[in-house]
Amino acid sequence: MKTNKKALLLSIKKAMGTLTKITSLIEDDAYCADIAQQINATIGLLRSANHQLLKDHLACCGREKLGSGDETQAANFIEEFVRVRAMSVRK
């Protein structure tokens, strides 16, 4: 994986922090809108991290597999990428 590992880990750790905050808010019977706001922030962090990871995957692994000259390998990569991307844009 030739992604910006440091930035990806930072995003994931931020998401974990907001999940911890969400847990505390729920346990403390906080205002529902405050909880929803934190959930949306976590979703945003995870989507952003996933977007960057997929972009890096395409630039690194995709470039390698699509340029390999191996039609099966290229087709498999395309199918994999489309499947993973489709899952990431589901609501």
PDB file of N, CA and C in Angstrom:
ATOM      1  N   MET A   1       0.853  -1.165   0.000  1.00  0.00           N
ATOM      2  CA  MET A   1       0.000   0.000   0.000  1.00  0.00           C
ATOM      3  C   MET A   1       0.900   1.229   0.000  1.00  0.00           C
ATOM      4  N   LYS A   2       0.795   2.016  -1.051  1.00  0.00           N
ATOM      5  CA  LYS A   2       1.608   3.217  -1.152  1.00  0.00           C
ATOM      6  C   LYS A   2       0.782   4.468  -0.867  1.00  0.00           C
ATOM      7  N   THR A   3      -0.173   4.327   0.010  1.00  0.00           N
ATOM      8  CA  THR A   3      -0.997   5.467   0.388  1.00  0.00           C
ATOM      9  C   THR A   3      -0.259   6.300   1.425  1.00  0.00           C
ATOM     10  N   ASN A   4      -0.744   7.478   1.681  1.00  0.00           N
ATOM     11  CA  ASN A   4      -0.177   8.296   2.732  1.00  0.00           C
ATOM     12  C   ASN A   4      -0.645   7.708   4.059  1.00  0.00           C
ATOM     13  N   LYS A   5       0.110   6.757   4.532  1.00  0.00           N
ATOM     14  CA  LYS A   5      -0.252   5.985   5.710  1.00  0.00           C
ATOM     15  C   LYS A   5      -0.479   6.870   6.938  1.00  0.00           C
ATOM     16  N   LYS A   6       0.385   7.867   7.108  1.00  0.00           N
ATOM     17  CA  LYS A   6       0.286   8.746   8.272  1.00  0.00           C
ATOM     18  C   LYS A   6      -1.039   9.509   8.276  1.00  0.00           C
ATOM     19  N   ALA A   7      -1.417  10.062   7.133  1.00  0.00           N
ATOM     20  CA  ALA A   7      -2.671  10.817   7.025  1.00  0.00           C
ATOM     21  C   ALA A   7      -3.873   9.896   7.202  1.00  0.00           C
ATOM     22  N   LEU A   8      -3.799   8.703   6.633  1.00  0.00           N
ATOM     23  CA  LEU A   8      -4.894   7.742   6.764  1.00  0.00           C
ATOM     24  C   LEU A   8      -5.089   7.339   8.228  1.00  0.00           C
ATOM     25  N   LEU A   9      -3.987   7.041   8.899  1.00  0.00           N
ATOM     26  CA  LEU A   9      -4.079   6.671  10.314  1.00  0.00           C
ATOM     27  C   LEU A   9      -4.621   7.822  11.155  1.00  0.00           C
ATOM     28  N   LEU A  10      -4.232   9.040  10.849  1.00  0.00           N
ATOM     29  CA  LEU A  10      -4.744  10.194  11.582  1.00  0.00           C
ATOM     30  C   LEU A  10      -6.257  10.314  11.423  1.00  0.00           C
ATOM     31  N   SER A  11      -6.745  10.143  10.205  1.00  0.00           N
ATOM     32  CA  SER A  11      -8.194  10.203   9.968  1.00  0.00           C
ATOM     33  C   SER A  11      -8.929   9.117  10.739  1.00  0.00           C
ATOM     34  N   ILE A  12      -8.379   7.916  10.734  1.00  0.00           N
ATOM     35  CA  ILE A  12      -9.018   6.799  11.444  1.00  0.00           C
ATOM     36  C   ILE A  12      -9.007   7.050  12.951  1.00  0.00           C
ATOM     37  N   LYS A  13      -7.901   7.568  13.463  1.00  0.00           N
ATOM     38  CA  LYS A  13      -7.828   7.854  14.902  1.00  0.00           C
ATOM     39  C   LYS A  13      -8.803   8.963  15.295  1.00  0.00           C
ATOM     40  N   LYS A  14      -8.972   9.961  14.441  1.00  0.00           N
ATOM     41  CA  LYS A  14      -9.964  11.010  14.703  1.00  0.00           C
ATOM     42  C   LYS A  14     -11.367  10.410  14.741  1.00  0.00           C
ATOM     43  N   ALA A  15     -11.650   9.512  13.806  1.00  0.00           N
ATOM     44  CA  ALA A  15     -12.961   8.854  13.777  1.00  0.00           C
ATOM     45  C   ALA A  15     -13.173   8.035  15.044  1.00  0.00           C
ATOM     46  N   MET A  16     -12.127   7.356  15.492  1.00  0.00           N
ATOM     47  CA  MET A  16     -12.237   6.590  16.730  1.00  0.00           C
ATOM     48  C   MET A  16     -12.515   7.509  17.918  1.00  0.00           C
ATOM     49  N   GLY A  17     -11.885   8.676  17.910  1.00  0.00           N
ATOM     50  CA  GLY A  17     -12.124   9.643  18.976  1.00  0.00           C
ATOM     51  C   GLY A  17     -13.560  10.126  18.990  1.00  0.00           C
ATOM     52  N   THR A  18     -14.104  10.386  17.805  1.00  0.00           N
ATOM     53  CA  THR A  18     -15.502  10.832  17.767  1.00  0.00           C
ATOM     54  C   THR A  18     -16.448   9.701  18.155  1.00  0.00           C
ATOM     55  N   LEU A  19     -16.100   8.467  17.839  1.00  0.00           N
ATOM     56  CA  LEU A  19     -16.927   7.334  18.273  1.00  0.00           C
ATOM     57  C   LEU A  19     -16.932   7.212  19.798  1.00  0.00           C
ATOM     58  N   THR A  20     -15.780   7.452  20.408  1.00  0.00           N
ATOM     59  CA  THR A  20     -15.704   7.437  21.866  1.00  0.00           C
ATOM     60  C   THR A  20     -16.588   8.544  22.443  1.00  0.00           C
ATOM     61  N   LYS A  21     -16.548   9.711  21.803  1.00  0.00           N
ATOM     62  CA  LYS A  21     -17.393  10.824  22.257  1.00  0.00           C
ATOM     63  C   LYS A  21     -18.867  10.482  22.096  1.00  0.00           C
ATOM     64  N   ILE A  22     -19.218   9.834  20.995  1.00  0.00           N
ATOM     65  CA  ILE A  22     -20.612   9.431  20.760  1.00  0.00           C
ATOM     66  C   ILE A  22     -21.076   8.479  21.856  1.00  0.00           C
ATOM     67  N   THR A  23     -20.232   7.528  22.191  1.00  0.00           N
ATOM     68  CA  THR A  23     -20.565   6.577  23.254  1.00  0.00           C
ATOM     69  C   THR A  23     -20.851   7.309  24.562  1.00  0.00           C
ATOM     70  N   SER A  24     -19.994   8.264  24.897  1.00  0.00           N
ATOM     71  CA  SER A  24     -20.190   9.043  26.132  1.00  0.00           C
ATOM     72  C   SER A  24     -21.476   9.858  26.074  1.00  0.00           C
ATOM     73  N   LEU A  25     -21.742  10.475  24.934  1.00  0.00           N
ATOM     74  CA  LEU A  25     -22.961  11.264  24.784  1.00  0.00           C
ATOM     75  C   LEU A  25     -24.205  10.401  24.985  1.00  0.00           C
ATOM     76  N   ILE A  26     -24.183   9.221  24.408  1.00  0.00           N
ATOM     77  CA  ILE A  26     -25.333   8.317  24.549  1.00  0.00           C
ATOM     78  C   ILE A  26     -25.485   7.877  26.001  1.00  0.00           C
ATOM     79  N   GLU A  27     -24.371   7.498  26.616  1.00  0.00           N
ATOM     80  CA  GLU A  27     -24.424   7.063  28.015  1.00  0.00           C
ATOM     81  C   GLU A  27     -24.907   8.183  28.942  1.00  0.00           C
ATOM     82  N   ASP A  28     -24.581   9.422  28.579  1.00  0.00           N
ATOM     83  CA  ASP A  28     -24.975  10.572  29.402  1.00  0.00           C
ATOM     84  C   ASP A  28     -26.337  11.152  29.014  1.00  0.00           C
ATOM     85  N   ASP A  29     -27.056  10.453  28.136  1.00  0.00           N
ATOM     86  CA  ASP A  29     -28.361  10.912  27.682  1.00  0.00           C
ATOM     87  C   ASP A  29     -28.309  12.339  27.124  1.00  0.00           C
ATOM     88  N   ALA A  30     -27.304  12.600  26.304  1.00  0.00           N
ATOM     89  CA  ALA A  30     -27.131  13.926  25.702  1.00  0.00           C
ATOM     90  C   ALA A  30     -28.250  14.199  24.696  1.00  0.00           C
ATOM     91  N   TYR A  31     -28.338  15.432  24.289  1.00  0.00           N
ATOM     92  CA  TYR A  31     -29.316  15.885  23.314  1.00  0.00           C
ATOM     93  C   TYR A  31     -29.107  15.134  21.998  1.00  0.00           C
ATOM     94  N   CYS A  32     -30.187  14.622  21.451  1.00  0.00           N
ATOM     95  CA  CYS A  32     -30.121  13.779  20.249  1.00  0.00           C
ATOM     96  C   CYS A  32     -29.420  14.464  19.075  1.00  0.00           C
ATOM     97  N   ALA A  33     -29.696  15.748  18.884  1.00  0.00           N
ATOM     98  CA  ALA A  33     -29.071  16.465  17.762  1.00  0.00           C
ATOM     99  C   ALA A  33     -27.557  16.537  17.923  1.00  0.00           C
ATOM    100  N   ASP A  34     -27.078  16.639  19.168  1.00  0.00           N
ATOM    101  CA  ASP A  34     -25.633  16.648  19.410  1.00  0.00           C
ATOM    102  C   ASP A  34     -25.012  15.296  19.052  1.00  0.00           C
ATOM    103  N   ILE A  35     -25.719  14.241  19.392  1.00  0.00           N
ATOM    104  CA  ILE A  35     -25.245  12.894  19.057  1.00  0.00           C
ATOM    105  C   ILE A  35     -25.223  12.713  17.539  1.00  0.00           C
ATOM    106  N   ALA A  36     -26.292  13.131  16.883  1.00  0.00           N
ATOM    107  CA  ALA A  36     -26.370  13.011  15.423  1.00  0.00           C
ATOM    108  C   ALA A  36     -25.254  13.796  14.747  1.00  0.00           C
ATOM    109  N   GLN A  37     -24.948  14.979  15.282  1.00  0.00           N
ATOM    110  CA  GLN A  37     -23.873  15.791  14.711  1.00  0.00           C
ATOM    111  C   GLN A  37     -22.534  15.057  14.803  1.00  0.00           C
ATOM    112  N   GLN A  38     -22.270  14.410  15.907  1.00  0.00           N
ATOM    113  CA  GLN A  38     -21.026  13.664  16.075  1.00  0.00           C
ATOM    114  C   GLN A  38     -20.987  12.422  15.162  1.00  0.00           C
ATOM    115  N   ILE A  39     -22.130  11.785  14.994  1.00  0.00           N
ATOM    116  CA  ILE A  39     -22.205  10.641  14.078  1.00  0.00           C
ATOM    117  C   ILE A  39     -21.898  11.102  12.657  1.00  0.00           C
ATOM    118  N   ASN A  40     -22.478  12.223  12.251  1.00  0.00           N
ATOM    119  CA  ASN A  40     -22.208  12.755  10.911  1.00  0.00           C
ATOM    120  C   ASN A  40     -20.746  13.137  10.731  1.00  0.00           C
ATOM    121  N   ALA A  41     -20.132  13.683  11.778  1.00  0.00           N
ATOM    122  CA  ALA A  41     -18.706  14.017  11.707  1.00  0.00           C
ATOM    123  C   ALA A  41     -17.869  12.757  11.507  1.00  0.00           C
ATOM    124  N   THR A  42     -18.229  11.688  12.203  1.00  0.00           N
ATOM    125  CA  THR A  42     -17.502  10.423  12.067  1.00  0.00           C
ATOM    126  C   THR A  42     -17.660   9.852  10.666  1.00  0.00           C
ATOM    127  N   ILE A  43     -18.867   9.878  10.164  1.00  0.00           N
ATOM    128  CA  ILE A  43     -19.122   9.400   8.800  1.00  0.00           C
ATOM    129  C   ILE A  43     -18.292  10.198   7.802  1.00  0.00           C
ATOM    130  N   GLY A  44     -18.237  11.505   7.981  1.00  0.00           N
ATOM    131  CA  GLY A  44     -17.444  12.352   7.089  1.00  0.00           C
ATOM    132  C   GLY A  44     -15.970  12.002   7.128  1.00  0.00           C
ATOM    133  N   LEU A  45     -15.434  11.782   8.318  1.00  0.00           N
ATOM    134  CA  LEU A  45     -14.025  11.397   8.451  1.00  0.00           C
ATOM    135  C   LEU A  45     -13.745  10.064   7.753  1.00  0.00           C
ATOM    136  N   LEU A  46     -14.623   9.109   7.955  1.00  0.00           N
ATOM    137  CA  LEU A  46     -14.423   7.789   7.348  1.00  0.00           C
ATOM    138  C   LEU A  46     -14.580   7.838   5.829  1.00  0.00           C
ATOM    139  N   ARG A  47     -15.542   8.603   5.342  1.00  0.00           N
ATOM    140  CA  ARG A  47     -15.698   8.738   3.882  1.00  0.00           C
ATOM    141  C   ARG A  47     -14.483   9.393   3.258  1.00  0.00           C
ATOM    142  N   SER A  48     -13.976  10.409   3.914  1.00  0.00           N
ATOM    143  CA  SER A  48     -12.800  11.103   3.411  1.00  0.00           C
ATOM    144  C   SER A  48     -11.587  10.162   3.378  1.00  0.00           C
ATOM    145  N   ALA A  49     -11.403   9.401   4.442  1.00  0.00           N
ATOM    146  CA  ALA A  49     -10.296   8.444   4.495  1.00  0.00           C
ATOM    147  C   ALA A  49     -10.455   7.382   3.408  1.00  0.00           C
ATOM    148  N   ASN A  50     -11.664   6.900   3.223  1.00  0.00           N
ATOM    149  CA  ASN A  50     -11.917   5.883   2.210  1.00  0.00           C
ATOM    150  C   ASN A  50     -11.675   6.436   0.812  1.00  0.00           C
ATOM    151  N   HIS A  51     -12.108   7.666   0.575  1.00  0.00           N
ATOM    152  CA  HIS A  51     -11.898   8.313  -0.727  1.00  0.00           C
ATOM    153  C   HIS A  51     -10.401   8.408  -1.045  1.00  0.00           C
ATOM    154  N   GLN A  52      -9.625   8.850  -0.064  1.00  0.00           N
ATOM    155  CA  GLN A  52      -8.181   8.980  -0.284  1.00  0.00           C
ATOM    156  C   GLN A  52      -7.537   7.613  -0.503  1.00  0.00           C
ATOM    157  N   LEU A  53      -7.964   6.632   0.253  1.00  0.00           N
ATOM    158  CA  LEU A  53      -7.415   5.280   0.103  1.00  0.00           C
ATOM    159  C   LEU A  53      -7.721   4.725  -1.283  1.00  0.00           C
ATOM    160  N   LEU A  54      -8.949   4.894  -1.756  1.00  0.00           N
ATOM    161  CA  LEU A  54      -9.311   4.403  -3.084  1.00  0.00           C
ATOM    162  C   LEU A  54      -8.559   5.153  -4.182  1.00  0.00           C
ATOM    163  N   LYS A  55      -8.382   6.441  -3.999  1.00  0.00           N
ATOM    164  CA  LYS A  55      -7.622   7.242  -4.959  1.00  0.00           C
ATOM    165  C   LYS A  55      -6.175   6.739  -5.041  1.00  0.00           C
ATOM    166  N   ASP A  56      -5.572   6.517  -3.890  1.00  0.00           N
ATOM    167  CA  ASP A  56      -4.202   6.000  -3.850  1.00  0.00           C
ATOM    168  C   ASP A  56      -4.119   4.590  -4.426  1.00  0.00           C
ATOM    169  N   HIS A  57      -5.128   3.777  -4.151  1.00  0.00           N
ATOM    170  CA  HIS A  57      -5.170   2.407  -4.671  1.00  0.00           C
ATOM    171  C   HIS A  57      -5.211   2.419  -6.197  1.00  0.00           C
ATOM    172  N   LEU A  58      -6.012   3.299  -6.742  1.00  0.00           N
ATOM    173  CA  LEU A  58      -6.108   3.417  -8.195  1.00  0.00           C
ATOM    174  C   LEU A  58      -4.784   3.890  -8.789  1.00  0.00           C
ATOM    175  N   ALA A  59      -4.170   4.875  -8.154  1.00  0.00           N
ATOM    176  CA  ALA A  59      -2.914   5.428  -8.662  1.00  0.00           C
ATOM    177  C   ALA A  59      -1.754   4.440  -8.566  1.00  0.00           C
ATOM    178  N   CYS A  60      -1.755   3.624  -7.547  1.00  0.00           N
ATOM    179  CA  CYS A  60      -0.646   2.695  -7.330  1.00  0.00           C
ATOM    180  C   CYS A  60      -0.945   1.309  -7.915  1.00  0.00           C
ATOM    181  N   CYS A  61      -1.817   0.595  -7.269  1.00  0.00           N
ATOM    182  CA  CYS A  61      -2.136  -0.778  -7.674  1.00  0.00           C
ATOM    183  C   CYS A  61      -2.822  -0.807  -9.036  1.00  0.00           C
ATOM    184  N   GLY A  62      -3.725   0.147  -9.241  1.00  0.00           N
ATOM    185  CA  GLY A  62      -4.446   0.203 -10.514  1.00  0.00           C
ATOM    186  C   GLY A  62      -3.514   0.432 -11.678  1.00  0.00           C
ATOM    187  N   ARG A  63      -2.633   1.398 -11.520  1.00  0.00           N
ATOM    188  CA  ARG A  63      -1.667   1.693 -12.585  1.00  0.00           C
ATOM    189  C   ARG A  63      -0.840   0.445 -12.913  1.00  0.00           C
ATOM    190  N   GLU A  64      -0.417  -0.259 -11.862  1.00  0.00           N
ATOM    191  CA  GLU A  64       0.404  -1.460 -12.050  1.00  0.00           C
ATOM    192  C   GLU A  64      -0.372  -2.562 -12.769  1.00  0.00           C
ATOM    193  N   LYS A  65      -1.572  -2.843 -12.289  1.00  0.00           N
ATOM    194  CA  LYS A  65      -2.348  -3.952 -12.851  1.00  0.00           C
ATOM    195  C   LYS A  65      -2.917  -3.623 -14.228  1.00  0.00           C
ATOM    196  N   LEU A  66      -3.356  -2.386 -14.412  1.00  0.00           N
ATOM    197  CA  LEU A  66      -3.908  -2.017 -15.714  1.00  0.00           C
ATOM    198  C   LEU A  66      -2.820  -1.904 -16.776  1.00  0.00           C
ATOM    199  N   GLY A  67      -1.604  -1.588 -16.357  1.00  0.00           N
ATOM    200  CA  GLY A  67      -0.495  -1.458 -17.299  1.00  0.00           C
ATOM    201  C   GLY A  67       0.330  -2.713 -17.454  1.00  0.00           C
ATOM    202  N   SER A  68      -0.077  -3.792 -16.808  1.00  0.00           N
ATOM    203  CA  SER A  68       0.717  -5.022 -16.819  1.00  0.00           C
ATOM    204  C   SER A  68       0.672  -5.766 -18.146  1.00  0.00           C
ATOM    205  N   GLY A  69      -0.330  -5.479 -18.962  1.00  0.00           N
ATOM    206  CA  GLY A  69      -0.489  -6.228 -20.203  1.00  0.00           C
ATOM    207  C   GLY A  69      -1.262  -7.523 -20.006  1.00  0.00           C
ATOM    208  N   ASP A  70      -1.552  -7.869 -18.775  1.00  0.00           N
ATOM    209  CA  ASP A  70      -2.305  -9.081 -18.459  1.00  0.00           C
ATOM    210  C   ASP A  70      -3.785  -8.709 -18.406  1.00  0.00           C
ATOM    211  N   GLU A  71      -4.528  -9.122 -19.427  1.00  0.00           N
ATOM    212  CA  GLU A  71      -5.943  -8.730 -19.545  1.00  0.00           C
ATOM    213  C   GLU A  71      -6.792  -9.251 -18.389  1.00  0.00           C
ATOM    214  N   THR A  72      -6.503 -10.449 -17.922  1.00  0.00           N
ATOM    215  CA  THR A  72      -7.265 -11.011 -16.807  1.00  0.00           C
ATOM    216  C   THR A  72      -7.018 -10.213 -15.534  1.00  0.00           C
ATOM    217  N   GLN A  73      -5.765  -9.894 -15.276  1.00  0.00           N
ATOM    218  CA  GLN A  73      -5.411  -9.116 -14.095  1.00  0.00           C
ATOM    219  C   GLN A  73      -6.057  -7.732 -14.156  1.00  0.00           C
ATOM    220  N   ALA A  74      -6.034  -7.118 -15.313  1.00  0.00           N
ATOM    221  CA  ALA A  74      -6.646  -5.791 -15.489  1.00  0.00           C
ATOM    222  C   ALA A  74      -8.164  -5.867 -15.280  1.00  0.00           C
ATOM    223  N   ALA A  75      -8.795  -6.862 -15.872  1.00  0.00           N
ATOM    224  CA  ALA A  75     -10.247  -7.019 -15.732  1.00  0.00           C
ATOM    225  C   ALA A  75     -10.629  -7.285 -14.281  1.00  0.00           C
ATOM    226  N   ASN A  76      -9.855  -8.101 -13.589  1.00  0.00           N
ATOM    227  CA  ASN A  76     -10.120  -8.388 -12.180  1.00  0.00           C
ATOM    228  C   ASN A  76      -9.985  -7.128 -11.326  1.00  0.00           C
ATOM    229  N   PHE A  77      -8.974  -6.319 -11.632  1.00  0.00           N
ATOM    230  CA  PHE A  77      -8.801  -5.074 -10.883  1.00  0.00           C
ATOM    231  C   PHE A  77      -9.993  -4.144 -11.101  1.00  0.00           C
ATOM    232  N   ILE A  78     -10.420  -4.021 -12.344  1.00  0.00           N
ATOM    233  CA  ILE A  78     -11.551  -3.144 -12.657  1.00  0.00           C
ATOM    234  C   ILE A  78     -12.796  -3.608 -11.901  1.00  0.00           C
ATOM    235  N   GLU A  79     -13.077  -4.895 -11.925  1.00  0.00           N
ATOM    236  CA  GLU A  79     -14.239  -5.431 -11.208  1.00  0.00           C
ATOM    237  C   GLU A  79     -14.133  -5.151  -9.714  1.00  0.00           C
ATOM    238  N   GLU A  80     -12.957  -5.380  -9.163  1.00  0.00           N
ATOM    239  CA  GLU A  80     -12.729  -5.142  -7.741  1.00  0.00           C
ATOM    240  C   GLU A  80     -12.949  -3.667  -7.402  1.00  0.00           C
ATOM    241  N   PHE A  81     -12.378  -2.791  -8.205  1.00  0.00           N
ATOM    242  CA  PHE A  81     -12.478  -1.363  -7.937  1.00  0.00           C
ATOM    243  C   PHE A  81     -13.923  -0.882  -8.025  1.00  0.00           C
ATOM    244  N   VAL A  82     -14.637  -1.325  -9.034  1.00  0.00           N
ATOM    245  CA  VAL A  82     -16.033  -0.929  -9.201  1.00  0.00           C
ATOM    246  C   VAL A  82     -16.868  -1.431  -8.019  1.00  0.00           C
ATOM    247  N   ARG A  83     -16.621  -2.653  -7.576  1.00  0.00           N
ATOM    248  CA  ARG A  83     -17.359  -3.227  -6.441  1.00  0.00           C
ATOM    249  C   ARG A  83     -17.093  -2.446  -5.155  1.00  0.00           C
ATOM    250  N   VAL A  84     -15.823  -2.171  -4.884  1.00  0.00           N
ATOM    251  CA  VAL A  84     -15.467  -1.442  -3.665  1.00  0.00           C
ATOM    252  C   VAL A  84     -15.998  -0.014  -3.712  1.00  0.00           C
ATOM    253  N   ARG A  85     -15.896   0.626  -4.861  1.00  0.00           N
ATOM    254  CA  ARG A  85     -16.398   1.999  -5.014  1.00  0.00           C
ATOM    255  C   ARG A  85     -17.920   2.038  -4.823  1.00  0.00           C
ATOM    256  N   ALA A  86     -18.599   1.064  -5.396  1.00  0.00           N
ATOM    257  CA  ALA A  86     -20.064   1.013  -5.256  1.00  0.00           C
ATOM    258  C   ALA A  86     -20.466   0.896  -3.786  1.00  0.00           C
ATOM    259  N   MET A  87     -19.733   0.094  -3.031  1.00  0.00           N
ATOM    260  CA  MET A  87     -20.043  -0.046  -1.615  1.00  0.00           C
ATOM    261  C   MET A  87     -19.789   1.256  -0.869  1.00  0.00           C
ATOM    262  N   SER A  88     -18.802   2.023  -1.309  1.00  0.00           N
ATOM    263  CA  SER A  88     -18.443   3.242  -0.587  1.00  0.00           C
ATOM    264  C   SER A  88     -19.415   4.391  -0.829  1.00  0.00           C
ATOM    265  N   VAL A  89     -20.223   4.316  -1.876  1.00  0.00           N
ATOM    266  CA  VAL A  89     -21.158   5.402  -2.145  1.00  0.00           C
ATOM    267  C   VAL A  89     -22.602   5.050  -1.769  1.00  0.00           C
ATOM    268  N   ARG A  90     -22.804   3.877  -1.210  1.00  0.00           N
ATOM    269  CA  ARG A  90     -24.137   3.520  -0.726  1.00  0.00           C
ATOM    270  C   ARG A  90     -24.522   4.416   0.421  1.00  0.00           C
ATOM    271  N   LYS A  91     -25.794   4.675   0.516  1.00  0.00           N
ATOM    272  CA  LYS A  91     -26.291   5.506   1.621  1.00  0.00           C
ATOM    273  C   LYS A  91     -27.081   4.694   2.597  1.00  0.00           C
TER     274      LYS A  91
END
